[in-house]
Amino acid sequence: MKVEVSTAIEELKRQFSASTFTVREDGQGGAFVLVEPVPLGVRFRPENTWLGFQVPAQYPYADIYPVFIGSDVVRVDGVAFAAPITPGHNFEGRAAIQISRRNGAAQSGTQKATAKILKVLDFLEKLQ
């Protein structure tokens, strides 16, 4: 695993200190990461789920994309998820919902892994 990738994972561990991390090297210098539990808030059931993603070997010059959450997550208001949030995926052998949120600034290396994951969680919190 490349130094930049392991550093990103350590930063994520500090940000989500109450969560457990499962990390599997991808064989190319990056890693697949599962974080659990991650709070989604009262607008979702369950309020906590797992979050998964790959930190690619090209990090920080490549985006962490896509991000996945547990397939059992639903909106409390009963509204079905629609693009860019799509069910029917798998991540690390787990049924998942994919959250497609690209970061155009990733190529310049200006966004840290923690910022990307927090932006995805903020997107979910503000979902209409």
N, C-alpha and C. Protein backbone atom coordinates (compact mmCIF):
# COMPACT_ATOMS: atom_id res chain seq x y z
N MET A 1 0.86 -1.18 0.00
CA MET A 1 0.00 0.00 0.00
C MET A 1 0.90 1.24 0.00
N LYS A 2 0.57 2.18 -0.87
CA LYS A 2 1.37 3.39 -0.97
C LYS A 2 1.22 4.24 0.30
N VAL A 3 2.25 5.01 0.60
CA VAL A 3 2.28 5.85 1.79
C VAL A 3 1.10 6.81 1.83
N GLU A 4 0.78 7.43 0.69
CA GLU A 4 -0.32 8.39 0.65
C GLU A 4 -1.65 7.74 1.01
N VAL A 5 -1.83 6.49 0.57
CA VAL A 5 -3.07 5.75 0.86
C VAL A 5 -3.14 5.40 2.34
N SER A 6 -2.06 4.89 2.90
CA SER A 6 -2.07 4.54 4.32
C SER A 6 -2.23 5.79 5.19
N THR A 7 -1.66 6.90 4.77
CA THR A 7 -1.83 8.16 5.50
C THR A 7 -3.29 8.59 5.47
N ALA A 8 -3.93 8.47 4.30
CA ALA A 8 -5.35 8.82 4.18
C ALA A 8 -6.20 7.96 5.12
N ILE A 9 -5.89 6.69 5.20
CA ILE A 9 -6.66 5.78 6.07
C ILE A 9 -6.45 6.16 7.53
N GLU A 10 -5.25 6.51 7.91
CA GLU A 10 -4.99 6.94 9.29
C GLU A 10 -5.76 8.22 9.62
N GLU A 11 -5.83 9.14 8.66
CA GLU A 11 -6.60 10.37 8.87
C GLU A 11 -8.09 10.05 9.03
N LEU A 12 -8.58 9.12 8.24
CA LEU A 12 -9.99 8.70 8.36
C LEU A 12 -10.25 8.05 9.72
N LYS A 13 -9.31 7.27 10.19
CA LYS A 13 -9.46 6.63 11.51
C LYS A 13 -9.55 7.67 12.62
N ARG A 14 -8.80 8.75 12.49
CA ARG A 14 -8.89 9.82 13.49
C ARG A 14 -10.24 10.53 13.40
N GLN A 15 -10.72 10.77 12.18
CA GLN A 15 -12.00 11.45 11.98
C GLN A 15 -13.17 10.61 12.48
N PHE A 16 -13.11 9.31 12.26
CA PHE A 16 -14.18 8.39 12.65
C PHE A 16 -13.67 7.46 13.75
N SER A 17 -13.24 8.07 14.84
CA SER A 17 -12.58 7.32 15.92
C SER A 17 -13.51 6.33 16.62
N ALA A 18 -14.81 6.52 16.53
CA ALA A 18 -15.75 5.59 17.17
C ALA A 18 -16.09 4.41 16.27
N SER A 19 -15.53 4.39 15.08
CA SER A 19 -15.85 3.34 14.11
C SER A 19 -14.73 2.32 14.01
N THR A 20 -15.10 1.15 13.50
CA THR A 20 -14.15 0.09 13.22
C THR A 20 -13.80 0.14 11.74
N PHE A 21 -12.55 -0.09 11.42
CA PHE A 21 -12.08 -0.09 10.04
C PHE A 21 -11.62 -1.47 9.62
N THR A 22 -12.04 -1.88 8.44
CA THR A 22 -11.53 -3.08 7.81
C THR A 22 -10.87 -2.62 6.52
N VAL A 23 -9.59 -2.92 6.38
CA VAL A 23 -8.83 -2.44 5.23
C VAL A 23 -8.22 -3.65 4.52
N ARG A 24 -8.41 -3.68 3.19
CA ARG A 24 -7.83 -4.75 2.38
C ARG A 24 -7.07 -4.09 1.23
N GLU A 25 -5.79 -4.41 1.13
CA GLU A 25 -4.99 -3.87 0.03
C GLU A 25 -5.54 -4.36 -1.30
N ASP A 26 -5.51 -3.49 -2.32
CA ASP A 26 -6.06 -3.86 -3.62
C ASP A 26 -5.02 -4.48 -4.55
N GLY A 27 -3.76 -4.59 -4.10
CA GLY A 27 -2.72 -5.19 -4.91
C GLY A 27 -2.07 -4.24 -5.91
N GLN A 28 -2.52 -2.99 -5.92
CA GLN A 28 -1.96 -2.01 -6.85
C GLN A 28 -1.47 -0.76 -6.13
N GLY A 29 -1.44 -0.83 -4.80
CA GLY A 29 -0.99 0.32 -4.01
C GLY A 29 -2.10 1.04 -3.29
N GLY A 30 -3.35 0.70 -3.62
CA GLY A 30 -4.51 1.29 -2.97
C GLY A 30 -5.11 0.33 -1.96
N ALA A 31 -6.31 0.65 -1.49
CA ALA A 31 -6.96 -0.21 -0.50
C ALA A 31 -8.48 -0.05 -0.55
N PHE A 32 -9.15 -1.14 -0.24
CA PHE A 32 -10.60 -1.14 -0.04
C PHE A 32 -10.84 -0.92 1.45
N VAL A 33 -11.75 -0.02 1.79
CA VAL A 33 -11.96 0.36 3.17
C VAL A 33 -13.43 0.23 3.54
N LEU A 34 -13.70 -0.42 4.68
CA LEU A 34 -15.04 -0.49 5.27
C LEU A 34 -14.97 0.21 6.61
N VAL A 35 -15.91 1.12 6.85
CA VAL A 35 -15.99 1.85 8.11
C VAL A 35 -17.36 1.57 8.71
N GLU A 36 -17.38 1.12 9.97
CA GLU A 36 -18.67 0.87 10.62
C GLU A 36 -18.57 0.96 12.13
N PRO A 37 -19.60 1.47 12.75
CA PRO A 37 -20.77 2.13 12.18
C PRO A 37 -20.46 3.57 11.81
N VAL A 38 -21.26 4.08 10.87
CA VAL A 38 -21.20 5.48 10.47
C VAL A 38 -22.61 6.04 10.63
N PRO A 39 -22.76 7.12 11.40
CA PRO A 39 -24.10 7.68 11.60
C PRO A 39 -24.60 8.41 10.36
N LEU A 40 -25.83 8.11 9.96
CA LEU A 40 -26.47 8.80 8.85
C LEU A 40 -27.47 9.83 9.33
N GLY A 41 -27.98 9.65 10.55
CA GLY A 41 -28.93 10.61 11.10
C GLY A 41 -30.35 10.10 11.09
N VAL A 42 -31.24 10.93 11.63
CA VAL A 42 -32.63 10.53 11.87
C VAL A 42 -33.47 10.47 10.60
N ARG A 43 -32.96 10.94 9.49
CA ARG A 43 -33.72 10.89 8.23
C ARG A 43 -33.63 9.53 7.56
N PHE A 44 -32.84 8.61 8.16
CA PHE A 44 -32.63 7.29 7.58
C PHE A 44 -32.88 6.20 8.60
N ARG A 45 -33.26 5.05 8.10
CA ARG A 45 -33.36 3.83 8.92
C ARG A 45 -32.57 2.76 8.22
N PRO A 46 -31.67 2.11 8.90
CA PRO A 46 -31.23 2.45 10.25
C PRO A 46 -30.45 3.76 10.25
N GLU A 47 -30.32 4.33 11.42
CA GLU A 47 -29.61 5.62 11.55
C GLU A 47 -28.10 5.45 11.40
N ASN A 48 -27.62 4.23 11.57
CA ASN A 48 -26.19 3.92 11.41
C ASN A 48 -26.05 2.80 10.39
N THR A 49 -24.98 2.86 9.61
CA THR A 49 -24.71 1.82 8.63
C THR A 49 -23.20 1.71 8.44
N TRP A 50 -22.80 0.88 7.53
CA TRP A 50 -21.40 0.82 7.14
C TRP A 50 -21.20 1.70 5.91
N LEU A 51 -19.97 2.09 5.69
CA LEU A 51 -19.61 2.90 4.54
C LEU A 51 -18.39 2.25 3.92
N GLY A 52 -18.38 2.09 2.60
CA GLY A 52 -17.25 1.44 1.93
C GLY A 52 -16.80 2.22 0.71
N PHE A 53 -15.51 2.09 0.39
CA PHE A 53 -14.92 2.79 -0.74
C PHE A 53 -13.52 2.27 -0.98
N GLN A 54 -12.99 2.61 -2.15
CA GLN A 54 -11.61 2.29 -2.46
C GLN A 54 -10.80 3.58 -2.46
N VAL A 55 -9.69 3.56 -1.75
CA VAL A 55 -8.72 4.64 -1.87
C VAL A 55 -7.75 4.16 -2.95
N PRO A 56 -7.80 4.76 -4.14
CA PRO A 56 -6.99 4.24 -5.24
C PRO A 56 -5.50 4.55 -5.08
N ALA A 57 -4.69 3.78 -5.75
CA ALA A 57 -3.23 3.95 -5.67
C ALA A 57 -2.80 5.35 -6.11
N GLN A 58 -3.59 5.98 -6.97
CA GLN A 58 -3.23 7.31 -7.48
C GLN A 58 -3.60 8.43 -6.50
N TYR A 59 -4.22 8.10 -5.37
CA TYR A 59 -4.58 9.10 -4.37
C TYR A 59 -3.32 9.84 -3.95
N PRO A 60 -3.34 11.13 -3.80
CA PRO A 60 -4.46 12.05 -3.74
C PRO A 60 -4.86 12.64 -5.09
N TYR A 61 -4.29 12.13 -6.20
CA TYR A 61 -4.59 12.68 -7.53
C TYR A 61 -5.69 11.91 -8.25
N ALA A 62 -6.41 11.09 -7.52
CA ALA A 62 -7.57 10.39 -8.06
C ALA A 62 -8.67 10.43 -7.01
N ASP A 63 -9.89 10.49 -7.48
CA ASP A 63 -11.05 10.61 -6.61
C ASP A 63 -11.35 9.29 -5.90
N ILE A 64 -11.89 9.39 -4.71
CA ILE A 64 -12.45 8.23 -4.01
C ILE A 64 -13.88 8.15 -4.50
N TYR A 65 -14.10 7.20 -5.42
CA TYR A 65 -15.38 7.13 -6.13
C TYR A 65 -15.61 5.73 -6.64
N PRO A 66 -16.80 5.18 -6.48
CA PRO A 66 -17.93 5.69 -5.72
C PRO A 66 -17.81 5.31 -4.25
N VAL A 67 -18.82 5.70 -3.48
CA VAL A 67 -18.91 5.35 -2.06
C VAL A 67 -20.16 4.50 -1.90
N PHE A 68 -20.11 3.53 -1.00
CA PHE A 68 -21.23 2.62 -0.79
C PHE A 68 -21.70 2.65 0.66
N ILE A 69 -23.00 2.40 0.86
CA ILE A 69 -23.58 2.21 2.18
C ILE A 69 -24.39 0.93 2.16
N GLY A 70 -24.81 0.47 3.33
CA GLY A 70 -25.57 -0.77 3.44
C GLY A 70 -26.86 -0.76 2.64
N SER A 71 -27.20 -1.89 2.06
CA SER A 71 -28.38 -2.00 1.20
C SER A 71 -29.69 -1.89 1.96
N ASP A 72 -29.63 -1.99 3.29
CA ASP A 72 -30.85 -1.93 4.10
C ASP A 72 -31.25 -0.50 4.45
N VAL A 73 -30.47 0.50 4.06
CA VAL A 73 -30.77 1.89 4.38
C VAL A 73 -31.95 2.38 3.53
N VAL A 74 -32.91 3.01 4.21
CA VAL A 74 -34.06 3.62 3.54
C VAL A 74 -34.28 5.01 4.12
N ARG A 75 -34.97 5.83 3.35
CA ARG A 75 -35.34 7.15 3.84
C ARG A 75 -36.58 7.02 4.71
N VAL A 76 -36.59 7.71 5.85
CA VAL A 76 -37.72 7.68 6.77
C VAL A 76 -38.98 8.24 6.11
N ASP A 77 -38.81 9.21 5.20
CA ASP A 77 -39.98 9.81 4.55
C ASP A 77 -40.59 8.92 3.47
N GLY A 78 -40.00 7.76 3.23
CA GLY A 78 -40.56 6.81 2.28
C GLY A 78 -40.20 7.06 0.83
N VAL A 79 -39.50 8.15 0.54
CA VAL A 79 -39.10 8.46 -0.83
C VAL A 79 -37.98 7.51 -1.24
N ALA A 80 -38.13 6.92 -2.41
CA ALA A 80 -37.11 5.99 -2.91
C ALA A 80 -35.85 6.76 -3.33
N PHE A 81 -34.72 6.11 -3.19
CA PHE A 81 -33.48 6.71 -3.67
C PHE A 81 -33.53 6.79 -5.19
N ALA A 82 -32.96 7.84 -5.73
CA ALA A 82 -32.84 8.02 -7.18
C ALA A 82 -31.42 8.51 -7.47
N ALA A 83 -31.01 8.37 -8.72
CA ALA A 83 -29.66 8.78 -9.10
C ALA A 83 -29.38 10.19 -8.56
N PRO A 84 -28.25 10.36 -7.94
CA PRO A 84 -27.03 9.57 -8.00
C PRO A 84 -26.90 8.51 -6.89
N ILE A 85 -27.99 8.13 -6.28
CA ILE A 85 -27.97 7.09 -5.24
C ILE A 85 -28.73 5.90 -5.79
N THR A 86 -28.02 4.80 -6.00
CA THR A 86 -28.66 3.66 -6.66
C THR A 86 -28.42 2.36 -5.90
N PRO A 87 -29.50 1.61 -5.67
CA PRO A 87 -29.38 0.31 -5.01
C PRO A 87 -28.93 -0.76 -6.00
N GLY A 88 -28.73 -1.96 -5.48
CA GLY A 88 -28.42 -3.10 -6.34
C GLY A 88 -26.95 -3.32 -6.61
N HIS A 89 -26.10 -2.80 -5.78
CA HIS A 89 -24.66 -2.96 -5.96
C HIS A 89 -24.09 -3.86 -4.86
N ASN A 90 -22.81 -4.15 -4.99
CA ASN A 90 -22.08 -4.91 -3.98
C ASN A 90 -20.75 -4.23 -3.73
N PHE A 91 -20.31 -4.32 -2.49
CA PHE A 91 -18.98 -3.83 -2.14
C PHE A 91 -18.38 -4.79 -1.13
N GLU A 92 -17.24 -5.34 -1.47
CA GLU A 92 -16.55 -6.27 -0.59
C GLU A 92 -17.48 -7.40 -0.11
N GLY A 93 -18.28 -7.91 -1.01
CA GLY A 93 -19.17 -9.03 -0.70
C GLY A 93 -20.43 -8.65 0.04
N ARG A 94 -20.70 -7.38 0.20
CA ARG A 94 -21.89 -6.90 0.90
C ARG A 94 -22.84 -6.23 -0.08
N ALA A 95 -24.13 -6.52 0.07
CA ALA A 95 -25.13 -5.81 -0.72
C ALA A 95 -25.06 -4.33 -0.36
N ALA A 96 -25.14 -3.47 -1.37
CA ALA A 96 -24.86 -2.05 -1.13
C ALA A 96 -25.71 -1.13 -1.98
N ILE A 97 -25.78 0.10 -1.51
CA ILE A 97 -26.33 1.22 -2.25
C ILE A 97 -25.14 2.08 -2.64
N GLN A 98 -25.05 2.44 -3.92
CA GLN A 98 -23.95 3.25 -4.41
C GLN A 98 -24.31 4.72 -4.40
N ILE A 99 -23.38 5.53 -3.92
CA ILE A 99 -23.55 6.99 -3.92
C ILE A 99 -22.49 7.55 -4.87
N SER A 100 -22.96 8.07 -5.99
CA SER A 100 -22.07 8.57 -7.03
C SER A 100 -21.90 10.08 -6.90
N ARG A 101 -20.83 10.47 -6.28
CA ARG A 101 -20.52 11.90 -6.10
C ARG A 101 -19.06 12.10 -6.48
N ARG A 102 -18.83 12.61 -7.67
CA ARG A 102 -17.47 12.85 -8.16
C ARG A 102 -16.91 14.16 -7.62
N ASN A 103 -15.58 14.18 -7.50
CA ASN A 103 -14.87 15.38 -7.08
C ASN A 103 -13.95 15.80 -8.21
N GLY A 104 -14.31 16.85 -8.90
CA GLY A 104 -13.51 17.33 -10.02
C GLY A 104 -12.14 17.84 -9.61
N ALA A 105 -11.98 18.23 -8.35
CA ALA A 105 -10.70 18.77 -7.89
C ALA A 105 -9.71 17.68 -7.51
N ALA A 106 -10.12 16.41 -7.58
CA ALA A 106 -9.24 15.33 -7.13
C ALA A 106 -7.94 15.29 -7.92
N GLN A 107 -7.98 15.60 -9.21
CA GLN A 107 -6.77 15.52 -10.03
C GLN A 107 -5.69 16.48 -9.57
N SER A 108 -6.08 17.56 -8.91
CA SER A 108 -5.08 18.50 -8.42
C SER A 108 -4.58 18.11 -7.03
N GLY A 109 -5.17 17.07 -6.45
CA GLY A 109 -4.74 16.60 -5.14
C GLY A 109 -5.16 17.52 -4.01
N THR A 110 -6.19 18.33 -4.25
CA THR A 110 -6.57 19.32 -3.24
C THR A 110 -7.57 18.81 -2.21
N GLN A 111 -8.17 17.65 -2.41
CA GLN A 111 -9.15 17.16 -1.44
C GLN A 111 -8.64 15.92 -0.71
N LYS A 112 -8.68 15.96 0.58
CA LYS A 112 -8.27 14.83 1.41
C LYS A 112 -9.39 13.79 1.47
N ALA A 113 -9.04 12.57 1.80
CA ALA A 113 -10.02 11.49 1.91
C ALA A 113 -11.09 11.82 2.94
N THR A 114 -10.69 12.39 4.07
CA THR A 114 -11.68 12.73 5.10
C THR A 114 -12.69 13.74 4.57
N ALA A 115 -12.22 14.73 3.82
CA ALA A 115 -13.13 15.74 3.26
C ALA A 115 -14.11 15.08 2.29
N LYS A 116 -13.64 14.16 1.46
CA LYS A 116 -14.52 13.49 0.50
C LYS A 116 -15.62 12.72 1.22
N ILE A 117 -15.26 11.95 2.23
CA ILE A 117 -16.26 11.14 2.94
C ILE A 117 -17.22 12.05 3.69
N LEU A 118 -16.73 13.10 4.32
CA LEU A 118 -17.62 14.04 5.01
C LEU A 118 -18.56 14.74 4.02
N LYS A 119 -18.09 15.05 2.82
CA LYS A 119 -18.95 15.66 1.81
C LYS A 119 -20.06 14.71 1.39
N VAL A 120 -19.76 13.42 1.26
CA VAL A 120 -20.79 12.43 0.91
C VAL A 120 -21.83 12.34 2.02
N LEU A 121 -21.39 12.32 3.27
CA LEU A 121 -22.32 12.27 4.39
C LEU A 121 -23.16 13.55 4.46
N ASP A 122 -22.56 14.68 4.17
CA ASP A 122 -23.29 15.95 4.15
C ASP A 122 -24.32 15.94 3.01
N PHE A 123 -23.97 15.40 1.87
CA PHE A 123 -24.90 15.27 0.75
C PHE A 123 -26.13 14.46 1.18
N LEU A 124 -25.90 13.35 1.88
CA LEU A 124 -27.02 12.52 2.34
C LEU A 124 -27.89 13.28 3.34
N GLU A 125 -27.23 13.99 4.25
CA GLU A 125 -27.96 14.74 5.29
C GLU A 125 -28.87 15.81 4.66
N LYS A 126 -28.44 16.41 3.57
CA LYS A 126 -29.19 17.49 2.95
C LYS A 126 -30.09 17.01 1.80
N LEU A 127 -30.14 15.70 1.59
CA LEU A 127 -30.92 15.14 0.50
C LEU A 127 -32.38 15.54 0.58
N GLN A 128 -32.93 16.02 -0.51
CA GLN A 128 -34.34 16.42 -0.55
C GLN A 128 -35.21 15.28 -1.02
